[in-house]
């Protein structure tokens, strides 16, 4: 169940972060509501995840996947296409998340 909560937390955080630009410094109510609700859901679910997955591993997965998915959302929504070095860096981040999940003894399977 922890991984389901973590996945939903990541999705909520990506939605909130993506909406930050559209909120135009919190002057637009719709996107601002997405930011507040999205971050609220993300952080609440993270508290549930931390019951079973260590904080360092949780944060590594959450932030790593968040970075990559926000970049994808930025490309799709705002046409902000990352250059090759950024893509390589994000690939390395994904590789790190995979290594943690496959090889770390601190992760619940």
PDB file of N, CA and C in Angstrom:
ATOM      1  N   UNK A   1       0.818  -1.198   0.000  1.00  0.00           N
ATOM      2  CA  UNK A   1       0.000   0.000   0.000  1.00  0.00           C
ATOM      3  C   UNK A   1       0.863   1.265   0.000  1.00  0.00           C
ATOM      4  N   UNK A   2       2.048   1.171   0.603  1.00  0.00           N
ATOM      5  CA  UNK A   2       2.923   2.340   0.683  1.00  0.00           C
ATOM      6  C   UNK A   2       3.309   2.837  -0.700  1.00  0.00           C
ATOM      7  N   UNK A   3       3.558   1.908  -1.619  1.00  0.00           N
ATOM      8  CA  UNK A   3       3.951   2.332  -2.965  1.00  0.00           C
ATOM      9  C   UNK A   3       2.793   2.967  -3.725  1.00  0.00           C
ATOM     10  N   UNK A   4       1.576   2.530  -3.470  1.00  0.00           N
ATOM     11  CA  UNK A   4       0.414   3.175  -4.076  1.00  0.00           C
ATOM     12  C   UNK A   4       0.296   4.607  -3.563  1.00  0.00           C
ATOM     13  N   UNK A   5       0.422   4.786  -2.243  1.00  0.00           N
ATOM     14  CA  UNK A   5       0.381   6.128  -1.666  1.00  0.00           C
ATOM     15  C   UNK A   5       1.502   6.997  -2.228  1.00  0.00           C
ATOM     16  N   UNK A   6       2.680   6.419  -2.377  1.00  0.00           N
ATOM     17  CA  UNK A   6       3.809   7.173  -2.912  1.00  0.00           C
ATOM     18  C   UNK A   6       3.543   7.580  -4.361  1.00  0.00           C
ATOM     19  N   UNK A   7       2.992   6.694  -5.151  1.00  0.00           N
ATOM     20  CA  UNK A   7       2.676   7.015  -6.550  1.00  0.00           C
ATOM     21  C   UNK A   7       1.652   8.150  -6.632  1.00  0.00           C
ATOM     22  N   UNK A   8       0.627   8.081  -5.799  1.00  0.00           N
ATOM     23  CA  UNK A   8      -0.387   9.141  -5.800  1.00  0.00           C
ATOM     24  C   UNK A   8       0.224  10.452  -5.312  1.00  0.00           C
ATOM     25  N   UNK A   9       1.087  10.388  -4.302  1.00  0.00           N
ATOM     26  CA  UNK A   9       1.764  11.589  -3.808  1.00  0.00           C
ATOM     27  C   UNK A   9       2.602  12.230  -4.903  1.00  0.00           C
ATOM     28  N   UNK A  10       3.290  11.417  -5.669  1.00  0.00           N
ATOM     29  CA  UNK A  10       4.117  11.932  -6.766  1.00  0.00           C
ATOM     30  C   UNK A  10       3.236  12.600  -7.819  1.00  0.00           C
ATOM     31  N   UNK A  11       2.140  11.972  -8.186  1.00  0.00           N
ATOM     32  CA  UNK A  11       1.230  12.536  -9.183  1.00  0.00           C
ATOM     33  C   UNK A  11       0.655  13.862  -8.683  1.00  0.00           C
ATOM     34  N   UNK A  12       0.246  13.909  -7.408  1.00  0.00           N
ATOM     35  CA  UNK A  12      -0.303  15.141  -6.839  1.00  0.00           C
ATOM     36  C   UNK A  12       0.745  16.252  -6.825  1.00  0.00           C
ATOM     37  N   UNK A  13       1.981  15.906  -6.482  1.00  0.00           N
ATOM     38  CA  UNK A  13       3.056  16.900  -6.448  1.00  0.00           C
ATOM     39  C   UNK A  13       3.371  17.405  -7.845  1.00  0.00           C
ATOM     40  N   UNK A  14       3.380  16.533  -8.830  1.00  0.00           N
ATOM     41  CA  UNK A  14       3.637  16.935 -10.217  1.00  0.00           C
ATOM     42  C   UNK A  14       2.526  17.859 -10.711  1.00  0.00           C
ATOM     43  N   UNK A  15       1.281  17.531 -10.410  1.00  0.00           N
ATOM     44  CA  UNK A  15       0.161  18.391 -10.811  1.00  0.00           C
ATOM     45  C   UNK A  15       0.281  19.763 -10.150  1.00  0.00           C
ATOM     46  N   UNK A  16       0.604  19.776  -8.865  1.00  0.00           N
ATOM     47  CA  UNK A  16       0.734  21.044  -8.140  1.00  0.00           C
ATOM     48  C   UNK A  16       1.893  21.875  -8.685  1.00  0.00           C
ATOM     49  N   UNK A  17       3.025  21.252  -8.905  1.00  0.00           N
ATOM     50  CA  UNK A  17       4.185  21.977  -9.409  1.00  0.00           C
ATOM     51  C   UNK A  17       3.935  22.505 -10.813  1.00  0.00           C
ATOM     52  N   UNK A  18       3.292  21.706 -11.649  1.00  0.00           N
ATOM     53  CA  UNK A  18       2.970  22.142 -13.005  1.00  0.00           C
ATOM     54  C   UNK A  18       1.997  23.319 -12.975  1.00  0.00           C
ATOM     55  N   UNK A  19       1.064  23.310 -12.046  1.00  0.00           N
ATOM     56  CA  UNK A  19       0.080  24.393 -11.931  1.00  0.00           C
ATOM     57  C   UNK A  19       0.684  25.688 -11.393  1.00  0.00           C
ATOM     58  N   UNK A  20       1.852  25.619 -10.760  1.00  0.00           N
ATOM     59  CA  UNK A  20       2.478  26.838 -10.228  1.00  0.00           C
ATOM     60  C   UNK A  20       2.645  27.900 -11.307  1.00  0.00           C
ATOM     61  N   UNK A  21       3.126  27.507 -12.467  1.00  0.00           N
ATOM     62  CA  UNK A  21       3.320  28.476 -13.562  1.00  0.00           C
ATOM     63  C   UNK A  21       1.983  29.075 -13.985  1.00  0.00           C
ATOM     64  N   UNK A  22       0.979  28.224 -14.125  1.00  0.00           N
ATOM     65  CA  UNK A  22      -0.338  28.689 -14.559  1.00  0.00           C
ATOM     66  C   UNK A  22      -1.023  29.568 -13.508  1.00  0.00           C
ATOM     67  N   UNK A  23      -0.618  29.440 -12.248  1.00  0.00           N
ATOM     68  CA  UNK A  23      -1.239  30.255 -11.197  1.00  0.00           C
ATOM     69  C   UNK A  23      -0.859  31.728 -11.293  1.00  0.00           C
ATOM     70  N   UNK A  24       0.210  32.007 -12.060  1.00  0.00           N
ATOM     71  CA  UNK A  24       0.692  33.378 -12.241  1.00  0.00           C
ATOM     72  C   UNK A  24       0.819  34.096 -10.891  1.00  0.00           C
ATOM     73  N   UNK A  25       1.743  33.568 -10.081  1.00  0.00           N
ATOM     74  CA  UNK A  25       2.025  34.096  -8.741  1.00  0.00           C
ATOM     75  C   UNK A  25       0.768  34.122  -7.856  1.00  0.00           C
ATOM     76  N   UNK A  26      -0.041  33.084  -7.960  1.00  0.00           N
ATOM     77  CA  UNK A  26      -1.260  32.891  -7.173  1.00  0.00           C
ATOM     78  C   UNK A  26      -2.326  33.946  -7.444  1.00  0.00           C
ATOM     79  N   UNK A  27      -2.349  34.486  -8.659  1.00  0.00           N
ATOM     80  CA  UNK A  27      -3.372  35.462  -9.016  1.00  0.00           C
ATOM     81  C   UNK A  27      -4.549  34.825  -9.746  1.00  0.00           C
ATOM     82  N   UNK A  28      -4.413  33.572 -10.151  1.00  0.00           N
ATOM     83  CA  UNK A  28      -5.499  32.860 -10.836  1.00  0.00           C
ATOM     84  C   UNK A  28      -6.038  31.779  -9.900  1.00  0.00           C
ATOM     85  N   UNK A  29      -7.314  31.872  -9.530  1.00  0.00           N
ATOM     86  CA  UNK A  29      -7.872  30.969  -8.510  1.00  0.00           C
ATOM     87  C   UNK A  29      -7.829  29.481  -8.867  1.00  0.00           C
ATOM     88  N   UNK A  30      -8.153  29.111 -10.093  1.00  0.00           N
ATOM     89  CA  UNK A  30      -8.185  27.687 -10.466  1.00  0.00           C
ATOM     90  C   UNK A  30      -6.839  27.002 -10.304  1.00  0.00           C
ATOM     91  N   UNK A  31      -5.811  27.497 -10.987  1.00  0.00           N
ATOM     92  CA  UNK A  31      -4.495  26.886 -10.820  1.00  0.00           C
ATOM     93  C   UNK A  31      -3.958  26.980  -9.386  1.00  0.00           C
ATOM     94  N   UNK A  32      -4.283  28.068  -8.691  1.00  0.00           N
ATOM     95  CA  UNK A  32      -3.845  28.214  -7.296  1.00  0.00           C
ATOM     96  C   UNK A  32      -4.466  27.124  -6.434  1.00  0.00           C
ATOM     97  N   UNK A  33      -5.725  26.811  -6.670  1.00  0.00           N
ATOM     98  CA  UNK A  33      -6.393  25.737  -5.931  1.00  0.00           C
ATOM     99  C   UNK A  33      -5.726  24.393  -6.206  1.00  0.00           C
ATOM    100  N   UNK A  34      -5.340  24.155  -7.459  1.00  0.00           N
ATOM    101  CA  UNK A  34      -4.635  22.909  -7.802  1.00  0.00           C
ATOM    102  C   UNK A  34      -3.312  22.826  -7.042  1.00  0.00           C
ATOM    103  N   UNK A  35      -2.606  23.945  -6.942  1.00  0.00           N
ATOM    104  CA  UNK A  35      -1.336  23.968  -6.209  1.00  0.00           C
ATOM    105  C   UNK A  35      -1.557  23.603  -4.748  1.00  0.00           C
ATOM    106  N   UNK A  36      -2.491  24.262  -4.102  1.00  0.00           N
ATOM    107  CA  UNK A  36      -2.714  24.046  -2.662  1.00  0.00           C
ATOM    108  C   UNK A  36      -3.215  22.628  -2.388  1.00  0.00           C
ATOM    109  N   UNK A  37      -4.193  22.178  -3.137  1.00  0.00           N
ATOM    110  CA  UNK A  37      -4.752  20.838  -2.927  1.00  0.00           C
ATOM    111  C   UNK A  37      -3.724  19.767  -3.296  1.00  0.00           C
ATOM    112  N   UNK A  38      -3.040  19.964  -4.403  1.00  0.00           N
ATOM    113  CA  UNK A  38      -2.044  18.989  -4.835  1.00  0.00           C
ATOM    114  C   UNK A  38      -0.935  18.787  -3.823  1.00  0.00           C
ATOM    115  N   UNK A  39      -0.369  19.890  -3.330  1.00  0.00           N
ATOM    116  CA  UNK A  39       0.679  19.763  -2.318  1.00  0.00           C
ATOM    117  C   UNK A  39       0.130  19.196  -1.006  1.00  0.00           C
ATOM    118  N   UNK A  40      -1.099  19.565  -0.648  1.00  0.00           N
ATOM    119  CA  UNK A  40      -1.704  19.014   0.566  1.00  0.00           C
ATOM    120  C   UNK A  40      -1.845  17.500   0.491  1.00  0.00           C
ATOM    121  N   UNK A  41      -2.347  17.016  -0.631  1.00  0.00           N
ATOM    122  CA  UNK A  41      -2.482  15.572  -0.833  1.00  0.00           C
ATOM    123  C   UNK A  41      -1.110  14.905  -0.826  1.00  0.00           C
ATOM    124  N   UNK A  42      -0.160  15.500  -1.535  1.00  0.00           N
ATOM    125  CA  UNK A  42       1.176  14.906  -1.632  1.00  0.00           C
ATOM    126  C   UNK A  42       1.807  14.752  -0.253  1.00  0.00           C
ATOM    127  N   UNK A  43       1.786  15.798   0.536  1.00  0.00           N
ATOM    128  CA  UNK A  43       2.449  15.726   1.839  1.00  0.00           C
ATOM    129  C   UNK A  43       1.698  14.831   2.816  1.00  0.00           C
ATOM    130  N   UNK A  44       0.368  14.820   2.759  1.00  0.00           N
ATOM    131  CA  UNK A  44      -0.374  13.906   3.628  1.00  0.00           C
ATOM    132  C   UNK A  44      -0.028  12.459   3.296  1.00  0.00           C
ATOM    133  N   UNK A  45      -0.037  12.121   2.008  1.00  0.00           N
ATOM    134  CA  UNK A  45       0.274  10.746   1.617  1.00  0.00           C
ATOM    135  C   UNK A  45       1.716  10.378   1.954  1.00  0.00           C
ATOM    136  N   UNK A  46       2.615  11.341   1.868  1.00  0.00           N
ATOM    137  CA  UNK A  46       4.000  11.056   2.272  1.00  0.00           C
ATOM    138  C   UNK A  46       4.080  10.661   3.745  1.00  0.00           C
ATOM    139  N   UNK A  47       3.255  11.273   4.589  1.00  0.00           N
ATOM    140  CA  UNK A  47       3.271  10.873   6.002  1.00  0.00           C
ATOM    141  C   UNK A  47       2.846   9.420   6.170  1.00  0.00           C
ATOM    142  N   UNK A  48       1.933   8.957   5.319  1.00  0.00           N
ATOM    143  CA  UNK A  48       1.505   7.555   5.384  1.00  0.00           C
ATOM    144  C   UNK A  48       2.605   6.630   4.871  1.00  0.00           C
ATOM    145  N   UNK A  49       3.281   7.047   3.811  1.00  0.00           N
ATOM    146  CA  UNK A  49       4.369   6.250   3.242  1.00  0.00           C
ATOM    147  C   UNK A  49       5.480   6.059   4.266  1.00  0.00           C
ATOM    148  N   UNK A  50       5.757   7.104   5.026  1.00  0.00           N
ATOM    149  CA  UNK A  50       6.871   7.063   5.986  1.00  0.00           C
ATOM    150  C   UNK A  50       6.635   6.095   7.143  1.00  0.00           C
ATOM    151  N   UNK A  51       5.446   5.544   7.241  1.00  0.00           N
ATOM    152  CA  UNK A  51       5.196   4.505   8.242  1.00  0.00           C
ATOM    153  C   UNK A  51       5.977   3.236   7.924  1.00  0.00           C
ATOM    154  N   UNK A  52       6.230   2.985   6.617  1.00  0.00           N
ATOM    155  CA  UNK A  52       6.854   1.715   6.236  1.00  0.00           C
ATOM    156  C   UNK A  52       8.140   1.855   5.424  1.00  0.00           C
ATOM    157  N   UNK A  53       8.310   2.953   4.711  1.00  0.00           N
ATOM    158  CA  UNK A  53       9.516   3.127   3.896  1.00  0.00           C
ATOM    159  C   UNK A  53      10.377   4.201   4.552  1.00  0.00           C
ATOM    160  N   UNK A  54      11.671   3.979   4.711  1.00  0.00           N
ATOM    161  CA  UNK A  54      12.542   4.974   5.352  1.00  0.00           C
ATOM    162  C   UNK A  54      12.493   6.325   4.638  1.00  0.00           C
ATOM    163  N   UNK A  55      12.657   7.391   5.408  1.00  0.00           N
ATOM    164  CA  UNK A  55      12.518   8.746   4.871  1.00  0.00           C
ATOM    165  C   UNK A  55      13.488   9.024   3.724  1.00  0.00           C
ATOM    166  N   UNK A  56      14.716   8.568   3.819  1.00  0.00           N
ATOM    167  CA  UNK A  56      15.688   8.824   2.764  1.00  0.00           C
ATOM    168  C   UNK A  56      15.304   8.161   1.457  1.00  0.00           C
ATOM    169  N   UNK A  57      14.850   6.936   1.537  1.00  0.00           N
ATOM    170  CA  UNK A  57      14.429   6.199   0.337  1.00  0.00           C
ATOM    171  C   UNK A  57      13.154   6.825  -0.232  1.00  0.00           C
ATOM    172  N   UNK A  58      12.206   7.144   0.642  1.00  0.00           N
ATOM    173  CA  UNK A  58      10.962   7.781   0.198  1.00  0.00           C
ATOM    174  C   UNK A  58      11.263   9.071  -0.546  1.00  0.00           C
ATOM    175  N   UNK A  59      12.108   9.903   0.043  1.00  0.00           N
ATOM    176  CA  UNK A  59      12.405  11.198  -0.566  1.00  0.00           C
ATOM    177  C   UNK A  59      13.173  11.036  -1.874  1.00  0.00           C
ATOM    178  N   UNK A  60      14.070  10.074  -1.929  1.00  0.00           N
ATOM    179  CA  UNK A  60      14.822   9.842  -3.166  1.00  0.00           C
ATOM    180  C   UNK A  60      13.879   9.460  -4.309  1.00  0.00           C
ATOM    181  N   UNK A  61      12.950   8.572  -4.027  1.00  0.00           N
ATOM    182  CA  UNK A  61      12.004   8.146  -5.064  1.00  0.00           C
ATOM    183  C   UNK A  61      11.069   9.292  -5.427  1.00  0.00           C
ATOM    184  N   UNK A  62      10.519   9.957  -4.413  1.00  0.00           N
ATOM    185  CA  UNK A  62       9.555  11.040  -4.633  1.00  0.00           C
ATOM    186  C   UNK A  62      10.185  12.184  -5.421  1.00  0.00           C
ATOM    187  N   UNK A  63      11.330  12.634  -4.983  1.00  0.00           N
ATOM    188  CA  UNK A  63      11.948  13.768  -5.665  1.00  0.00           C
ATOM    189  C   UNK A  63      12.482  13.376  -7.040  1.00  0.00           C
ATOM    190  N   UNK A  64      13.077  12.196  -7.152  1.00  0.00           N
ATOM    191  CA  UNK A  64      13.595  11.760  -8.449  1.00  0.00           C
ATOM    192  C   UNK A  64      12.504  11.630  -9.492  1.00  0.00           C
ATOM    193  N   UNK A  65      11.449  10.935  -9.136  1.00  0.00           N
ATOM    194  CA  UNK A  65      10.346  10.779 -10.083  1.00  0.00           C
ATOM    195  C   UNK A  65       9.658  12.115 -10.340  1.00  0.00           C
ATOM    196  N   UNK A  66       9.561  12.933  -9.305  1.00  0.00           N
ATOM    197  CA  UNK A  66       8.956  14.256  -9.470  1.00  0.00           C
ATOM    198  C   UNK A  66       9.717  15.110 -10.463  1.00  0.00           C
ATOM    199  N   UNK A  67      11.043  15.106 -10.370  1.00  0.00           N
ATOM    200  CA  UNK A  67      11.875  15.888 -11.293  1.00  0.00           C
ATOM    201  C   UNK A  67      11.601  15.466 -12.731  1.00  0.00           C
ATOM    202  N   UNK A  68      11.630  14.187 -12.962  1.00  0.00           N
ATOM    203  CA  UNK A  68      11.454  13.679 -14.329  1.00  0.00           C
ATOM    204  C   UNK A  68      10.041  13.962 -14.830  1.00  0.00           C
ATOM    205  N   UNK A  69       9.039  13.693 -14.011  1.00  0.00           N
ATOM    206  CA  UNK A  69       7.655  13.883 -14.457  1.00  0.00           C
ATOM    207  C   UNK A  69       7.289  15.353 -14.621  1.00  0.00           C
ATOM    208  N   UNK A  70       7.846  16.236 -13.786  1.00  0.00           N
ATOM    209  CA  UNK A  70       7.608  17.673 -13.972  1.00  0.00           C
ATOM    210  C   UNK A  70       8.240  18.131 -15.283  1.00  0.00           C
ATOM    211  N   UNK A  71       9.402  17.615 -15.613  1.00  0.00           N
ATOM    212  CA  UNK A  71      10.035  17.963 -16.893  1.00  0.00           C
ATOM    213  C   UNK A  71       9.166  17.491 -18.062  1.00  0.00           C
ATOM    214  N   UNK A  72       8.610  16.294 -17.948  1.00  0.00           N
ATOM    215  CA  UNK A  72       7.715  15.783 -18.998  1.00  0.00           C
ATOM    216  C   UNK A  72       6.465  16.665 -19.093  1.00  0.00           C
ATOM    217  N   UNK A  73       5.884  17.002 -17.942  1.00  0.00           N
ATOM    218  CA  UNK A  73       4.695  17.861 -17.939  1.00  0.00           C
ATOM    219  C   UNK A  73       5.025  19.244 -18.502  1.00  0.00           C
ATOM    220  N   UNK A  74       6.191  19.788 -18.147  1.00  0.00           N
ATOM    221  CA  UNK A  74       6.597  21.085 -18.682  1.00  0.00           C
ATOM    222  C   UNK A  74       6.745  21.053 -20.191  1.00  0.00           C
ATOM    223  N   UNK A  75       7.258  19.948 -20.709  1.00  0.00           N
ATOM    224  CA  UNK A  75       7.391  19.806 -22.157  1.00  0.00           C
ATOM    225  C   UNK A  75       6.013  19.708 -22.813  1.00  0.00           C
ATOM    226  N   UNK A  76       5.119  18.949 -22.206  1.00  0.00           N
ATOM    227  CA  UNK A  76       3.792  18.734 -22.791  1.00  0.00           C
ATOM    228  C   UNK A  76       2.895  19.972 -22.668  1.00  0.00           C
ATOM    229  N   UNK A  77       2.898  20.598 -21.499  1.00  0.00           N
ATOM    230  CA  UNK A  77       1.966  21.694 -21.236  1.00  0.00           C
ATOM    231  C   UNK A  77       2.524  23.044 -21.689  1.00  0.00           C
ATOM    232  N   UNK A  78       3.797  23.283 -21.416  1.00  0.00           N
ATOM    233  CA  UNK A  78       4.373  24.605 -21.662  1.00  0.00           C
ATOM    234  C   UNK A  78       5.384  24.629 -22.809  1.00  0.00           C
ATOM    235  N   UNK A  79       5.555  23.493 -23.477  1.00  0.00           N
ATOM    236  CA  UNK A  79       6.509  23.381 -24.594  1.00  0.00           C
ATOM    237  C   UNK A  79       7.935  23.730 -24.167  1.00  0.00           C
ATOM    238  N   UNK A  80       8.289  23.425 -22.909  1.00  0.00           N
ATOM    239  CA  UNK A  80       9.638  23.650 -22.382  1.00  0.00           C
ATOM    240  C   UNK A  80      10.427  22.348 -22.550  1.00  0.00           C
ATOM    241  N   UNK A  81      11.076  22.215 -23.690  1.00  0.00           N
ATOM    242  CA  UNK A  81      11.755  20.974 -24.048  1.00  0.00           C
ATOM    243  C   UNK A  81      13.178  20.976 -23.471  1.00  0.00           C
ATOM    244  N   UNK A  82      13.513  19.966 -22.637  1.00  0.00           N
ATOM    245  CA  UNK A  82      14.866  19.908 -22.076  1.00  0.00           C
ATOM    246  C   UNK A  82      15.903  19.591 -23.158  1.00  0.00           C
ATOM    247  N   UNK A  83      17.117  20.125 -22.975  1.00  0.00           N
ATOM    248  CA  UNK A  83      18.193  19.820 -23.926  1.00  0.00           C
ATOM    249  C   UNK A  83      18.824  18.471 -23.575  1.00  0.00           C
ATOM    250  N   UNK A  84      19.773  18.047 -24.393  1.00  0.00           N
ATOM    251  CA  UNK A  84      20.379  16.726 -24.228  1.00  0.00           C
ATOM    252  C   UNK A  84      21.023  16.525 -22.852  1.00  0.00           C
ATOM    253  N   UNK A  85      21.826  17.482 -22.349  1.00  0.00           N
ATOM    254  CA  UNK A  85      22.395  17.263 -21.009  1.00  0.00           C
ATOM    255  C   UNK A  85      21.316  17.088 -19.926  1.00  0.00           C
ATOM    256  N   UNK A  86      20.223  17.837 -20.033  1.00  0.00           N
ATOM    257  CA  UNK A  86      19.131  17.687 -19.063  1.00  0.00           C
ATOM    258  C   UNK A  86      18.490  16.312 -19.171  1.00  0.00           C
ATOM    259  N   UNK A  87      18.304  15.834 -20.389  1.00  0.00           N
ATOM    260  CA  UNK A  87      17.717  14.508 -20.600  1.00  0.00           C
ATOM    261  C   UNK A  87      18.638  13.424 -20.042  1.00  0.00           C
ATOM    262  N   UNK A  88      19.928  13.559 -20.281  1.00  0.00           N
ATOM    263  CA  UNK A  88      20.893  12.580 -19.744  1.00  0.00           C
ATOM    264  C   UNK A  88      20.856  12.601 -18.216  1.00  0.00           C
ATOM    265  N   UNK A  89      20.851  13.786 -17.639  1.00  0.00           N
ATOM    266  CA  UNK A  89      20.790  13.900 -16.177  1.00  0.00           C
ATOM    267  C   UNK A  89      19.536  13.263 -15.601  1.00  0.00           C
ATOM    268  N   UNK A  90      18.410  13.497 -16.241  1.00  0.00           N
ATOM    269  CA  UNK A  90      17.162  12.894 -15.760  1.00  0.00           C
ATOM    270  C   UNK A  90      17.176  11.380 -15.947  1.00  0.00           C
ATOM    271  N   UNK A  91      17.833  10.907 -16.998  1.00  0.00           N
ATOM    272  CA  UNK A  91      17.995   9.463 -17.165  1.00  0.00           C
ATOM    273  C   UNK A  91      18.794   8.861 -16.029  1.00  0.00           C
ATOM    274  N   UNK A  92      19.824   9.572 -15.596  1.00  0.00           N
ATOM    275  CA  UNK A  92      20.621   9.102 -14.454  1.00  0.00           C
ATOM    276  C   UNK A  92      19.801   9.100 -13.166  1.00  0.00           C
ATOM    277  N   UNK A  93      18.936  10.097 -13.011  1.00  0.00           N
ATOM    278  CA  UNK A  93      18.049  10.128 -11.841  1.00  0.00           C
ATOM    279  C   UNK A  93      17.130   8.909 -11.860  1.00  0.00           C
ATOM    280  N   UNK A  94      16.531   8.620 -13.008  1.00  0.00           N
ATOM    281  CA  UNK A  94      15.674   7.433 -13.118  1.00  0.00           C
ATOM    282  C   UNK A  94      16.448   6.164 -12.810  1.00  0.00           C
ATOM    283  N   UNK A  95      17.675   6.091 -13.297  1.00  0.00           N
ATOM    284  CA  UNK A  95      18.513   4.929 -13.013  1.00  0.00           C
ATOM    285  C   UNK A  95      18.741   4.792 -11.509  1.00  0.00           C
ATOM    286  N   UNK A  96      18.958   5.899 -10.837  1.00  0.00           N
ATOM    287  CA  UNK A  96      19.126   5.868  -9.384  1.00  0.00           C
ATOM    288  C   UNK A  96      17.887   5.353  -8.670  1.00  0.00           C
ATOM    289  N   UNK A  97      16.711   5.791  -9.112  1.00  0.00           N
ATOM    290  CA  UNK A  97      15.458   5.305  -8.515  1.00  0.00           C
ATOM    291  C   UNK A  97      15.320   3.802  -8.736  1.00  0.00           C
ATOM    292  N   UNK A  98      15.680   3.329  -9.917  1.00  0.00           N
ATOM    293  CA  UNK A  98      15.609   1.895 -10.203  1.00  0.00           C
ATOM    294  C   UNK A  98      16.574   1.117  -9.312  1.00  0.00           C
ATOM    295  N   UNK A  99      17.793   1.611  -9.165  1.00  0.00           N
ATOM    296  CA  UNK A  99      18.786   0.935  -8.318  1.00  0.00           C
ATOM    297  C   UNK A  99      18.273   0.841  -6.883  1.00  0.00           C
ATOM    298  N   UNK A 100      17.703   1.922  -6.372  1.00  0.00           N
ATOM    299  CA  UNK A 100      17.163   1.901  -5.007  1.00  0.00           C
ATOM    300  C   UNK A 100      16.088   0.834  -4.882  1.00  0.00           C
ATOM    301  N   UNK A 101      15.164   0.806  -5.827  1.00  0.00           N
ATOM    302  CA  UNK A 101      14.040  -0.122  -5.732  1.00  0.00           C
ATOM    303  C   UNK A 101      14.432  -1.574  -5.953  1.00  0.00           C
ATOM    304  N   UNK A 102      15.413  -1.826  -6.787  1.00  0.00           N
ATOM    305  CA  UNK A 102      15.780  -3.203  -7.103  1.00  0.00           C
ATOM    306  C   UNK A 102      16.795  -3.764  -6.102  1.00  0.00           C
ATOM    307  N   UNK A 103      17.766  -2.947  -5.711  1.00  0.00           N
ATOM    308  CA  UNK A 103      18.890  -3.481  -4.950  1.00  0.00           C
ATOM    309  C   UNK A 103      18.939  -3.091  -3.472  1.00  0.00           C
ATOM    310  N   UNK A 104      18.213  -2.064  -3.054  1.00  0.00           N
ATOM    311  CA  UNK A 104      18.324  -1.614  -1.668  1.00  0.00           C
ATOM    312  C   UNK A 104      17.597  -2.562  -0.725  1.00  0.00           C
ATOM    313  N   UNK A 105      18.243  -2.912   0.363  1.00  0.00           N
ATOM    314  CA  UNK A 105      17.634  -3.743   1.376  1.00  0.00           C
ATOM    315  C   UNK A 105      16.705  -2.963   2.301  1.00  0.00           C
ATOM    316  N   UNK A 106      16.697  -1.635   2.177  1.00  0.00           N
ATOM    317  CA  UNK A 106      15.857  -0.826   3.054  1.00  0.00           C
ATOM    318  C   UNK A 106      14.471  -0.590   2.481  1.00  0.00           C
ATOM    319  N   UNK A 107      14.219  -1.097   1.277  1.00  0.00           N
ATOM    320  CA  UNK A 107      12.934  -0.883   0.622  1.00  0.00           C
ATOM    321  C   UNK A 107      12.042  -2.098   0.811  1.00  0.00           C
ATOM    322  N   UNK A 108      10.799  -1.835   1.204  1.00  0.00           N
ATOM    323  CA  UNK A 108       9.803  -2.904   1.364  1.00  0.00           C
ATOM    324  C   UNK A 108       9.388  -3.404  -0.007  1.00  0.00           C
ATOM    325  N   UNK A 109       9.375  -4.716  -0.203  1.00  0.00           N
ATOM    326  CA  UNK A 109       8.948  -5.270  -1.501  1.00  0.00           C
ATOM    327  C   UNK A 109       7.703  -6.093  -1.333  1.00  0.00           C
TER     328      UNK A 109
END
